[in-house]
Protein backbone atom coordinates (compact mmCIF):
# COMPACT_ATOMS: atom_id res chain seq x y z
CA MET A 1 -18.90 -52.90 -17.84
CA ASP A 2 -15.89 -53.36 -20.79
CA ASN A 3 -12.77 -54.89 -20.67
CA GLN A 4 -11.02 -51.29 -20.39
CA THR A 5 -12.61 -50.57 -16.73
CA GLN A 6 -11.65 -54.22 -15.22
CA LYS A 7 -8.26 -53.06 -15.99
CA ILE A 8 -8.24 -50.17 -14.08
CA LYS A 9 -7.27 -49.99 -10.35
CA TYR A 10 -8.66 -47.56 -7.99
CA PHE A 11 -8.24 -45.37 -5.27
CA ILE A 12 -11.08 -44.19 -3.28
CA TYR A 13 -10.87 -40.44 -2.13
CA ALA A 14 -13.14 -39.46 0.80
CA ARG A 15 -12.11 -35.92 2.42
CA LYS A 16 -13.91 -33.50 4.76
CA SER A 17 -13.14 -30.04 5.41
CA SER A 18 -11.44 -29.64 8.60
CA GLU A 19 -12.67 -26.08 9.21
CA SER A 20 -16.48 -27.30 10.06
CA ASP A 21 -16.16 -30.95 11.10
CA GLU A 22 -19.34 -31.12 13.18
CA ARG A 23 -21.23 -29.70 10.14
CA GLN A 24 -20.21 -31.99 7.15
CA VAL A 25 -23.29 -33.26 4.42
CA GLN A 26 -21.37 -36.73 4.25
CA SER A 27 -18.75 -37.89 6.91
CA ILE A 28 -15.73 -39.82 5.68
CA ASP A 29 -16.79 -43.11 6.78
CA ASP A 30 -20.24 -42.48 4.78
CA GLN A 31 -18.10 -41.84 1.67
CA VAL A 32 -16.12 -44.32 1.92
CA LEU A 33 -18.98 -47.08 2.43
CA VAL A 34 -20.73 -45.39 -0.43
CA MET A 35 -17.48 -45.73 -2.88
CA ASN A 36 -16.92 -49.49 -1.65
CA GLY A 37 -20.28 -50.33 -2.49
CA ILE A 38 -20.14 -48.53 -5.96
CA GLY A 39 -16.96 -50.59 -6.18
CA LYS A 40 -18.68 -54.06 -5.52
CA SER A 41 -21.45 -53.05 -7.97
CA TYR A 42 -18.93 -52.63 -10.95
CA ASN A 43 -16.75 -55.10 -9.59
CA LEU A 44 -14.17 -52.49 -9.60
CA LYS A 45 -10.19 -53.47 -8.23
CA ILE A 46 -9.32 -51.19 -5.00
CA ALA A 47 -5.94 -50.08 -4.97
CA ASP A 48 -6.18 -48.42 -1.69
CA THR A 49 -8.75 -45.92 0.34
CA ILE A 50 -7.46 -42.36 1.08
CA THR A 51 -8.81 -39.97 3.74
CA GLU A 52 -7.93 -36.75 5.09
CA SER A 53 -9.88 -33.82 6.85
CA LYS A 54 -8.49 -30.76 5.23
CA SER A 55 -10.07 -27.99 3.10
CA ALA A 56 -9.39 -28.04 -0.68
CA LYS A 57 -10.30 -24.26 -0.92
CA GLU A 58 -6.31 -23.37 -1.41
CA PRO A 59 -3.88 -25.06 -3.42
CA HIS A 60 -1.11 -27.66 -2.15
CA GLY A 61 -2.64 -27.90 1.06
CA ARG A 62 -3.51 -31.43 1.47
CA PRO A 63 -0.98 -33.95 1.63
CA GLU A 64 -3.00 -37.00 1.10
CA PHE A 65 -4.27 -36.38 -1.88
CA GLU A 66 -0.55 -35.06 -3.51
CA LYS A 67 0.50 -38.69 -2.49
CA MET A 68 -2.52 -39.71 -4.24
CA ILE A 69 -1.52 -37.83 -7.57
CA GLU A 70 2.12 -38.88 -7.00
CA ARG A 71 0.97 -42.65 -6.77
CA ILE A 72 -1.57 -42.23 -10.38
CA LYS A 73 1.71 -40.95 -12.17
CA ARG A 74 3.88 -43.77 -10.73
CA GLY A 75 0.95 -46.01 -12.15
CA GLU A 76 0.40 -47.33 -8.72
CA ALA A 77 -3.84 -46.71 -9.90
CA GLN A 78 -4.97 -45.53 -13.01
CA GLY A 79 -8.75 -44.21 -11.47
CA ILE A 80 -10.28 -42.37 -8.72
CA LEU A 81 -13.34 -43.27 -6.56
CA VAL A 82 -15.13 -40.13 -5.34
CA TRP A 83 -18.21 -38.95 -3.65
CA LYS A 84 -18.55 -36.15 -5.54
CA ILE A 85 -15.93 -33.82 -8.15
CA ASP A 86 -15.65 -31.26 -5.21
CA ARG A 87 -14.32 -33.28 -2.74
CA LEU A 88 -11.24 -33.68 -5.35
CA SER A 89 -11.05 -29.82 -5.68
CA ARG A 90 -12.25 -26.90 -4.90
CA ASN A 91 -9.26 -24.55 -6.48
CA PRO A 92 -8.56 -23.85 -10.21
CA ILE A 93 -4.81 -25.35 -10.03
CA ASP A 94 -5.86 -28.92 -8.44
CA SER A 95 -8.54 -28.58 -10.81
CA ALA A 96 -6.20 -28.26 -13.66
CA THR A 97 -4.23 -31.34 -12.45
CA ILE A 98 -6.72 -33.42 -12.25
CA GLN A 99 -8.08 -32.43 -15.93
CA TRP A 100 -4.70 -32.52 -17.50
CA LEU A 101 -4.01 -36.11 -15.99
CA LEU A 102 -6.96 -37.21 -17.51
CA GLN A 103 -6.21 -35.60 -20.76
CA LYS A 104 -3.21 -37.39 -21.26
CA GLU A 105 -5.07 -40.47 -20.19
CA VAL A 106 -2.59 -40.83 -16.88
CA ILE A 107 -6.04 -41.30 -15.40
CA ALA A 108 -8.76 -43.59 -17.00
CA SER A 109 -11.53 -43.02 -14.77
CA ILE A 110 -13.29 -40.70 -12.11
CA ARG A 111 -16.34 -42.03 -10.79
CA THR A 112 -18.81 -40.88 -8.60
CA PRO A 113 -22.19 -42.28 -7.34
CA ASP A 114 -23.74 -40.19 -10.40
CA ARG A 115 -21.50 -40.07 -13.55
CA GLU A 116 -18.02 -41.55 -14.78
CA TYR A 117 -15.54 -38.95 -16.58
CA ARG A 118 -13.25 -40.79 -19.55
CA PRO A 119 -10.34 -39.08 -21.17
CA GLU A 120 -12.40 -39.22 -24.57
CA ASP A 121 -15.47 -37.35 -23.02
CA ASN A 122 -15.93 -33.27 -23.55
CA ALA A 123 -13.58 -31.68 -21.37
CA LEU A 124 -15.98 -28.76 -21.05
CA LEU A 125 -18.24 -30.84 -18.29
CA LEU A 126 -15.24 -31.61 -16.18
CA SER A 127 -14.26 -28.14 -16.14
CA VAL A 128 -17.72 -26.61 -15.49
CA GLU A 129 -18.31 -28.69 -12.50
CA SER A 130 -14.88 -28.18 -11.26
CA SER A 131 -15.43 -24.55 -11.74
CA MET A 132 -18.84 -24.50 -10.13
CA ALA A 133 -17.28 -25.98 -6.64
CA ASN A 134 -14.44 -23.20 -7.07
CA GLN A 135 -17.33 -20.61 -7.43
CA TYR A 136 -19.22 -22.13 -4.50
CA ILE A 137 -16.06 -21.75 -2.38
CA ARG A 138 -15.67 -18.20 -3.64
CA ASP A 139 -19.30 -17.15 -3.20
CA LEU A 140 -19.24 -18.77 0.53
CA SER A 141 -16.41 -16.58 1.58
CA LYS A 142 -17.40 -13.41 0.45
CA ASN A 143 -21.01 -14.06 1.95
CA VAL A 144 -18.76 -15.46 5.41
CA LYS A 145 -16.85 -12.14 5.22
CA ARG A 146 -20.49 -9.93 4.66
CA GLY A 147 -21.80 -11.72 7.42
CA LEU A 148 -18.78 -10.84 9.84
CA LYS A 149 -18.97 -7.58 8.76
CA SER A 150 -22.70 -7.18 9.46
CA LYS A 151 -22.56 -8.65 12.48
CA LEU A 152 -19.14 -6.18 14.16
CA ASN A 153 -21.26 -3.17 12.43
CA LYS A 154 -24.02 -4.24 14.72
CA GLY A 155 -21.96 -3.85 17.73
CA TRP A 156 -21.83 -7.85 18.34
CA MET A 157 -18.76 -10.22 18.10
CA PRO A 158 -18.92 -12.74 15.74
CA GLY A 159 -18.31 -16.58 16.66
CA ILE A 160 -18.20 -18.56 20.02
CA ALA A 161 -18.51 -16.24 23.31
CA PRO A 162 -15.77 -16.08 25.70
CA ILE A 163 -15.80 -17.67 28.80
CA GLY A 164 -18.30 -15.84 30.97
CA TYR A 165 -20.40 -15.37 28.32
CA LEU A 166 -23.03 -17.24 26.03
CA ASN A 167 -24.49 -16.97 22.70
CA THR A 168 -28.27 -17.03 22.23
CA LYS A 169 -29.89 -19.40 19.97
CA VAL A 170 -33.50 -18.17 19.29
CA GLU A 171 -32.96 -15.37 16.75
CA ALA A 172 -32.73 -15.94 13.19
CA ARG A 173 -29.90 -16.86 11.68
CA GLY A 174 -26.91 -14.14 11.83
CA GLU A 175 -29.02 -11.97 14.40
CA ASN A 176 -28.18 -13.67 17.37
CA TYR A 177 -25.72 -11.92 20.00
CA ILE A 178 -24.00 -12.48 23.51
CA ILE A 179 -25.42 -12.30 26.88
CA LYS A 180 -24.15 -13.03 30.36
CA ASP A 181 -23.54 -16.42 31.25
CA PRO A 182 -25.43 -16.21 34.65
CA GLU A 183 -23.34 -19.53 36.12
CA ARG A 184 -19.85 -18.33 35.41
CA PHE A 185 -20.08 -14.53 35.07
CA PRO A 186 -20.22 -13.54 38.86
CA LEU A 187 -17.25 -15.81 39.54
CA LEU A 188 -14.95 -14.56 36.95
CA ARG A 189 -16.09 -10.70 38.01
CA ARG A 190 -14.72 -11.88 41.54
CA ALA A 191 -11.43 -13.15 39.65
CA TRP A 192 -11.19 -9.58 38.10
CA GLU A 193 -11.77 -7.78 41.65
CA MET A 194 -9.09 -9.87 43.41
CA MET A 195 -6.62 -9.17 40.79
CA LEU A 196 -7.59 -5.37 40.98
CA THR A 197 -6.23 -5.06 44.68
CA GLY A 198 -3.00 -5.95 43.29
CA ASN A 199 -2.42 -8.52 46.51
CA TYR A 200 -3.03 -11.55 44.14
CA VAL A 201 -1.15 -13.16 41.72
CA VAL A 202 -3.15 -15.26 39.03
CA PRO A 203 -2.17 -19.02 40.36
CA ASP A 204 -3.26 -17.97 43.81
CA ILE A 205 -6.77 -16.78 41.81
CA LEU A 206 -7.02 -19.79 39.84
CA GLU A 207 -6.72 -21.98 42.91
CA LYS A 208 -9.81 -20.10 44.46
CA LEU A 209 -11.79 -20.18 41.14
CA ASN A 210 -11.61 -23.82 40.63
CA ASN A 211 -11.18 -25.08 44.35
CA GLU A 212 -12.95 -22.94 46.10
CA TRP A 213 -15.82 -21.47 44.23
CA GLY A 214 -16.43 -24.74 41.80
CA PHE A 215 -15.98 -23.27 38.66
CA ARG A 216 -15.95 -25.52 35.95
CA THR A 217 -16.09 -24.80 32.03
CA ARG A 218 -18.51 -24.80 29.62
CA LEU A 219 -19.93 -28.36 28.52
CA GLY A 220 -19.44 -28.68 24.89
CA LYS A 221 -20.27 -31.83 22.44
CA LYS A 222 -17.20 -33.40 23.29
CA LYS A 223 -15.29 -31.29 26.41
CA GLY A 224 -15.97 -29.18 28.90
CA ASN A 225 -16.87 -29.19 32.41
CA ASN A 226 -13.29 -28.92 33.33
CA PRO A 227 -11.48 -26.68 36.13
CA MET A 228 -10.01 -23.76 34.31
CA ALA A 229 -6.62 -23.74 33.10
CA ARG A 230 -4.05 -21.12 34.13
CA SER A 231 -3.06 -19.73 30.32
CA THR A 232 -6.87 -19.36 30.02
CA LEU A 233 -7.22 -17.14 32.88
CA TYR A 234 -4.13 -15.10 31.93
CA ALA A 235 -6.08 -14.89 28.44
CA ILE A 236 -8.95 -13.53 30.31
CA PHE A 237 -7.44 -10.94 32.08
CA THR A 238 -5.78 -10.14 28.67
CA ASN A 239 -8.44 -9.99 26.51
CA PRO A 240 -10.31 -6.34 26.05
CA PHE A 241 -13.91 -8.23 25.48
CA TYR A 242 -14.15 -8.15 29.15
CA ALA A 243 -13.55 -4.18 28.90
CA GLY A 244 -16.37 -4.11 26.09
CA ILE A 245 -14.00 -4.14 23.02
CA ILE A 246 -14.18 -6.45 20.57
CA PRO A 247 -10.80 -7.19 18.98
CA TYR A 248 -11.01 -8.46 15.41
CA LYS A 249 -8.16 -8.99 13.25
CA GLU A 250 -6.58 -5.04 13.37
CA LEU A 251 -9.85 -3.52 14.48
CA HIS A 252 -10.77 -2.52 17.76
CA ILE A 253 -14.64 -2.40 17.95
CA GLU A 254 -17.02 -0.77 20.85
CA GLY A 255 -19.45 -4.09 21.67
CA LYS A 256 -22.85 -4.21 22.52
CA HIS A 257 -22.46 -6.83 25.23
CA ASP A 258 -22.15 -6.15 29.17
CA PRO A 259 -18.81 -5.46 30.08
CA MET A 260 -17.29 -7.32 33.23
CA VAL A 261 -14.94 -4.42 33.84
CA THR A 262 -14.01 -0.86 32.87
CA ILE A 263 -11.84 0.42 30.97
CA GLU A 264 -9.94 1.95 33.46
CA GLU A 265 -9.79 -1.42 35.45
CA PHE A 266 -8.87 -3.41 32.45
CA ASP A 267 -5.59 -1.20 32.08
CA ARG A 268 -4.90 -0.98 35.37
CA VAL A 269 -4.53 -4.83 35.73
CA GLN A 270 -2.30 -4.83 32.37
CA LEU A 271 -0.06 -2.81 34.59
CA ILE A 272 -0.21 -5.15 37.26
CA LEU A 273 0.42 -8.18 35.15
CA GLY A 274 3.74 -6.63 33.62
CA ARG A 275 5.31 -8.45 30.98
CA ARG A 276 2.65 -11.01 31.04
CA GLY A 277 -0.04 -8.63 30.34
CA LYS A 278 -0.94 -7.55 27.07
CA PRO A 279 -2.51 -4.34 26.82
CA ARG A 280 -5.07 -3.09 24.91
CA PRO A 281 -4.00 -2.52 21.60
CA LYS A 282 -4.90 1.34 20.36
CA ARG A 283 -4.21 3.64 17.16
CA TYR A 284 -1.40 5.72 17.18
CA GLU A 285 -1.01 8.60 14.74
CA TYR A 286 2.83 9.45 13.99
CA ALA A 287 3.77 12.68 12.85
CA TYR A 288 6.43 11.47 10.49
CA THR A 289 6.02 8.61 8.92
CA GLY A 290 6.18 8.76 5.32
CA GLN A 291 7.90 12.17 5.33
CA ILE A 292 11.15 11.46 6.86
CA PHE A 293 13.83 8.85 4.50
CA CYS A 294 16.57 6.71 5.67
CA GLY A 295 19.98 9.02 5.13
CA GLU A 296 21.92 5.66 4.58
CA CYS A 297 19.81 3.55 1.90
CA GLY A 298 17.14 5.98 1.51
CA GLY A 299 14.17 3.40 2.36
CA PHE A 300 11.27 4.41 4.35
CA ILE A 301 11.37 5.70 8.18
CA SER A 302 8.50 3.95 10.20
CA ALA A 303 7.50 4.43 13.56
CA THR A 304 6.39 2.45 16.57
CA PHE A 305 4.83 3.32 19.74
CA LYS A 306 6.23 1.61 22.86
CA GLU A 307 5.45 1.76 26.74
CA LYS A 308 7.47 0.91 29.82
CA LEU A 309 6.73 0.54 33.21
CA ILE A 310 9.00 2.40 35.58
CA LYS A 311 9.42 0.37 38.66
CA LYS A 312 10.33 3.39 41.05
CA THR A 313 7.00 5.24 40.49
CA ARG A 314 5.03 2.72 38.88
CA LYS A 315 3.60 4.83 36.04
CA LEU A 316 3.64 3.92 32.40
CA LYS A 317 6.04 6.06 30.31
CA SER A 318 5.22 6.30 26.58
CA TYR A 319 7.83 6.15 23.98
CA THR A 320 7.30 6.98 20.14
CA LEU A 321 10.20 5.66 18.16
CA TYR A 322 11.11 5.81 14.84
CA TYR A 323 13.19 3.26 12.87
CA CYS A 324 14.31 2.36 9.17
CA THR A 325 12.10 -0.70 7.82
CA CYS A 326 15.06 -1.93 5.56
CA ALA A 327 17.75 -1.82 8.53
CA ARG A 328 15.07 -3.84 10.78
CA ARG A 329 14.16 -6.58 7.47
CA LYS A 330 15.89 -9.89 7.99
CA GLY A 331 18.63 -9.56 5.57
CA GLY A 332 18.75 -5.65 5.04
CA ALA A 333 21.84 -4.28 4.06
CA CYS A 334 21.41 -1.03 5.99
CA THR A 335 23.37 -0.46 9.34
CA GLN A 336 20.99 2.21 10.89
CA SER A 337 19.18 -0.39 13.14
CA ARG A 338 18.86 1.68 15.80
CA TYR A 339 15.82 3.26 17.12
CA THR A 340 15.15 7.30 17.13
CA ASN A 341 13.44 8.62 19.72
CA GLU A 342 10.40 11.35 18.36
CA GLU A 343 11.59 13.58 21.05
CA GLY A 344 15.13 14.03 19.30
CA ILE A 345 13.50 14.65 16.03
CA ASP A 346 10.97 17.50 17.54
CA GLU A 347 14.15 19.20 18.75
CA THR A 348 15.43 19.25 15.42
CA ILE A 349 12.69 20.95 13.70
CA GLU A 350 12.29 23.13 16.59
CA ARG A 351 15.77 24.40 15.91
CA GLU A 352 15.07 25.02 12.28
CA LEU A 353 11.58 26.73 13.23
CA GLU A 354 13.77 29.09 15.65
CA SER A 355 15.82 29.85 12.59
CA ILE A 356 13.25 31.46 10.66
CA THR A 357 10.92 32.61 13.28
CA ILE A 358 10.09 36.33 13.09
CA LEU A 359 8.43 39.20 15.36
CA PRO A 360 4.73 38.92 14.95
CA GLU A 361 4.92 42.97 15.07
CA PHE A 362 8.05 42.86 12.11
CA LYS A 363 5.47 40.88 10.37
CA ASP A 364 2.81 42.89 10.27
CA TRP A 365 4.93 46.23 8.97
CA ALA A 366 6.87 43.98 6.15
CA LEU A 367 3.50 43.29 4.95
CA THR A 368 2.23 46.65 4.72
CA VAL A 369 5.69 47.49 2.82
CA ILE A 370 4.81 44.42 0.50
CA ASP A 371 1.45 46.11 -0.26
CA GLU A 372 3.60 49.38 -1.66
CA TRP A 373 5.52 46.67 -3.63
CA SER A 374 2.45 45.42 -5.02
CA ASP A 375 1.03 48.76 -6.40
CA GLU A 376 4.57 49.26 -8.02
CA GLU A 377 5.13 46.09 -9.56
CA ILE A 378 1.53 46.35 -10.89
CA ASP A 379 2.57 50.10 -12.93
CA GLY A 380 6.01 47.93 -14.21
CA ARG A 381 3.95 44.95 -15.36
CA VAL A 382 1.39 47.03 -17.14
CA LYS A 383 3.71 48.57 -19.23
CA ILE A 384 5.60 45.35 -19.89
CA ARG A 385 2.20 43.52 -20.66
CA GLU A 386 1.53 46.51 -23.15
CA THR A 387 4.54 45.40 -25.04
CA GLN A 388 4.06 41.62 -25.14
CA GLN A 389 0.53 42.24 -26.19
CA LYS A 390 1.91 44.14 -29.42
CA ALA A 391 4.15 41.26 -29.92
CA ILE A 392 1.45 39.11 -29.92
CA ASP A 393 -1.01 41.01 -32.27
CA ASP A 394 2.10 41.36 -34.63
CA THR A 395 2.81 37.82 -34.91
CA GLN A 396 -1.02 36.80 -35.49
CA LYS A 397 -1.03 39.36 -38.35
CA GLN A 398 2.08 37.77 -39.79
CA LEU A 399 0.04 34.34 -39.63
CA ASP A 400 -2.68 35.61 -41.44
CA SER A 401 -0.68 37.46 -44.02
CA LEU A 402 1.06 33.87 -44.70
CA THR A 403 -2.41 32.36 -45.12
CA GLN A 404 -3.53 35.05 -47.62
CA MET A 405 0.24 34.24 -49.53
CA ARG A 406 -0.51 30.94 -49.86
CA ILE A 407 -4.00 31.19 -50.79
CA ARG A 408 -2.87 33.26 -53.85
CA GLU A 409 -0.31 30.85 -54.41
CA MET A 410 2.51 33.15 -53.76
CA ILE A 411 4.30 30.57 -51.24
CA ASP A 412 4.25 26.84 -51.95
CA ASP A 413 3.40 24.20 -49.82
CA ASP A 414 7.08 23.69 -48.23
CA GLU A 415 7.43 27.08 -47.51
CA TYR A 416 4.02 27.81 -46.31
CA LEU A 417 4.35 25.12 -43.67
CA ARG A 418 7.90 25.92 -42.54
CA GLU A 419 6.84 29.77 -41.52
CA LYS A 420 3.57 28.48 -40.07
CA THR A 421 5.33 26.43 -37.70
CA ARG A 422 7.86 29.14 -36.98
CA LEU A 423 5.29 31.54 -36.57
CA LYS A 424 2.86 29.63 -34.18
CA ASN A 425 5.72 28.42 -31.89
CA GLU A 426 6.49 31.65 -31.77
CA LEU A 427 3.30 33.27 -30.84
CA THR A 428 2.57 30.22 -27.94
CA ALA A 429 6.04 31.41 -26.49
CA LEU A 430 4.71 34.97 -26.28
CA LYS A 431 1.21 34.11 -24.98
CA THR A 432 3.24 31.92 -22.31
CA LYS A 433 5.48 34.85 -21.35
CA LEU A 434 2.34 37.05 -21.13
CA ARG A 435 0.64 34.85 -18.98
CA ASN A 436 3.56 34.47 -16.85
CA THR A 437 3.79 38.47 -16.48
CA GLU A 438 0.35 38.26 -15.36
CA ASP A 439 0.45 35.67 -12.82
CA HIS A 440 4.12 36.49 -11.22
CA ALA A 441 3.58 39.74 -9.34
CA SER A 442 0.94 38.22 -8.00
CA ASP A 443 1.94 34.74 -7.10
CA TRP A 444 5.43 36.01 -5.38
CA ILE A 445 3.71 38.81 -3.56
CA GLU A 446 1.13 35.60 -2.19
CA LEU A 447 4.11 33.69 -1.46
CA THR A 448 6.27 36.50 0.31
CA LYS A 449 2.75 36.71 2.96
CA LYS A 450 2.32 33.19 3.55
CA THR A 451 6.18 32.91 4.12
CA PHE A 452 6.03 36.03 6.95
CA GLU A 453 2.98 34.45 8.28
CA PHE A 454 4.54 30.92 8.85
CA ALA A 455 7.46 32.05 9.66
CA ALA A 456 5.81 34.27 12.85
CA TYR A 457 3.66 31.60 13.99
CA ALA A 458 4.86 28.02 13.26
CA HIS A 459 7.18 27.42 15.76
CA SER A 460 4.46 28.33 18.54
CA ALA A 461 2.03 26.08 16.82
CA PHE A 462 4.63 23.17 16.45
CA LEU A 463 5.03 23.28 20.28
CA SER A 464 1.30 22.75 20.84
CA GLY A 465 0.12 21.26 17.80
CA ASP A 466 -0.74 17.70 17.25
CA ALA A 467 0.71 14.93 15.21
CA LYS A 468 -1.07 16.49 12.14
CA THR A 469 0.03 19.85 12.75
CA LYS A 470 3.44 18.61 13.51
CA ARG A 471 3.55 16.66 9.90
CA GLU A 472 2.02 19.89 7.70
CA ILE A 473 4.48 21.93 9.44
CA LEU A 474 7.54 19.99 8.21
CA SER A 475 6.43 19.40 4.66
CA THR A 476 6.40 23.50 4.90
CA VAL A 477 9.43 23.99 6.07
CA ALA A 478 11.69 21.45 4.01
CA HIS A 479 12.46 21.86 0.72
CA LEU A 480 13.36 17.90 0.19
CA ASN A 481 12.43 15.06 2.40
CA PRO A 482 14.21 15.21 5.92
CA THR A 483 16.69 12.18 5.99
CA LEU A 484 17.18 10.23 9.71
CA LYS A 485 21.04 8.89 9.89
CA ASP A 486 23.07 8.12 13.18
CA ASN A 487 19.87 9.16 15.23
CA LEU A 488 20.28 12.43 13.74
CA LEU A 489 17.83 14.12 11.43
CA SER A 490 18.79 16.65 8.46
CA ILE A 491 16.40 19.37 7.20
CA HIS A 492 17.53 21.22 3.84
CA ALA A 493 15.09 24.45 4.23
CA ALA A 494 12.65 25.59 1.16
CA GLU A 495 14.11 28.27 -0.46
CA TRP A 496 11.58 30.97 0.43
CA PHE A 497 12.70 30.50 4.19
CA VAL A 498 16.51 31.02 2.61
CA PRO A 499 16.32 34.84 2.78
CA ILE A 500 14.97 35.05 6.65
CA LYS A 501 17.70 32.49 7.45
CA LYS A 502 20.33 34.78 5.81
CA ARG A 503 18.42 38.62 6.88
CA TYR A 504 16.78 38.48 9.65
CA PRO A 505 19.51 37.89 12.44
CA ALA A 506 20.86 40.88 11.46
CA ILE A 507 17.48 42.84 11.65
CA GLU A 508 15.99 41.46 14.67
CA ALA A 509 19.93 42.40 16.64
CA LYS A 510 19.14 46.09 15.13
CA ILE A 511 15.84 46.39 16.72
CA LYS A 512 16.73 44.99 19.86
CA SER A 513 19.41 47.48 19.74
CA PHE A 514 16.78 50.17 20.23
CA GLU A 515 15.34 51.41 23.48
CA PRO A 516 12.50 49.05 24.64
CA ALA A 517 10.13 51.51 25.59
CA LYS A 518 10.30 52.76 21.62
CA MET A 519 8.70 49.50 20.77
CA GLN A 520 5.90 49.75 23.03
CA THR A 521 4.11 52.18 20.72
CA LEU A 522 2.88 52.18 17.30
CA GLN A 523 4.53 55.28 16.15
CA GLY A 524 7.78 53.95 17.85
CA ARG A 525 7.76 50.62 16.12
CA ASN A 526 6.77 52.06 12.80
CA GLU A 527 9.74 54.43 13.72
CA VAL A 528 12.01 51.51 14.03
CA PHE A 529 10.68 49.42 11.30
CA ALA A 530 11.10 52.56 8.89
CA SER A 531 14.95 52.43 9.41
CA LEU A 532 15.15 48.93 8.19
CA ARG A 533 13.98 49.36 4.90
CA PRO A 534 17.41 49.02 3.06
CA GLU A 535 17.66 45.53 4.90
CA VAL A 536 14.36 44.73 3.86
CA ARG A 537 14.01 46.08 0.31
CA GLY A 538 15.93 43.17 -1.18
CA ARG A 539 13.07 41.04 -2.63
CA PRO A 540 12.90 38.63 -5.59
CA ASP A 541 13.74 39.54 -8.87
CA SER A 542 11.62 38.90 -12.09
CA ASN A 543 13.38 35.86 -13.16
CA ARG A 544 12.67 34.14 -9.54
CA ARG A 545 10.76 31.19 -9.58
CA SER A 546 7.63 31.07 -7.58
CA GLY A 547 7.41 28.37 -4.84
CA PRO A 548 4.13 26.41 -4.35
């Protein structure tokens, strides 16, 4: 051993991951024992022994490691004795800290049972070993997540079975499943039955469970065989696992294990528990999230589902409430913090739909009139198209002639390029007009037909529709995203509904002025609607922009 090594003071650093205390390859005591043996063999000076039970997969998560680094920077020691490099770090941030201090000679030596790392050594070796430790954690994380997902897809909850159930231990790794605990399952089922009667509170049931029925928790390696705690019984009564549902993060999966209670029984217990209950999470589809924005700050409007127990009727009342995400965020400047009931939003949309609703009989007649206009439109467009096509042909001839003139050197390059650019731009504009002429008639006719169909049936569809239907109807009727301010929804109707809002009330009033019997026959309806041609005749001109 050289003189430089004799001057170095070492910290012994031993670590194990807290996530797997019972399955460590090498315990902390064993690591310290081996490191002390190396210190004695090489006559090393040991400044201190540092131990901790923390995972190294994330940076800045080990207080003792952080203190050790600071002490090394202050010069209390210049070396580290460690079982393996992966005990020091399993993430690139901490690995970089160690490597940098070694390169700057703040750390003069890192020793493991296999080798020593010094500042003058090739930095690649320590970098590779640190990277391997980091990659091990990444691979392990992927494999664990893959295994959990596989288990969930098969309908089995990963991890330790809740009280009343047992994990099998006879299958291959990853293939074990959950079975009933023959000793505890029947007792807990009796506890559920008592709760379902509504005549017992949790402390009463707990008293019977522990003192009369002799319930004791499962015996583990370190603890168990104790009476059940009250908090544990509350947790059982609010855990959907006992109703056959696996709660895992945001997922709620139907499990293959034998349920202790039915879904209906579980829900009834949540109702009995009241505020102490934790009802089974559900997925809700909100009709208007992503479509409505705050009228004050322009932020997103989100939604939440609430249930309230009405004491008088002992029934649950459901509410869907919308709110500004900015206003309810801590420190948000928006003042729109109040919830808005979905019923109020629905009423506003219904009123807007009522203002554009037309009679189905009127719609059928109007579509017949539109078909007549279509024939007229086609005749007029044919003549316009012929004129536009002639202009395109003439411009193309000019462009061809220009090319011939350049070939014969009748014009120079500058004049040729200038005229060529002008003629090509003109040709592009003419072709665009021709294409618009061909498409425009069919576009506005198709849009008008769709608008009439929507106006005739959208209101009734909205009243009976689900969340998806309501969402589609609102996106069709609104020109821009609706806004919510002071619990009031503001809607600007799309431009293709404006003529209906302006003209149809007068048309409908005129229809109602006729004798009701007149509208009962096809001939009578035709006579009524024929008299409305002057009001209906107004239609989009050729320059009107078509809708979507």
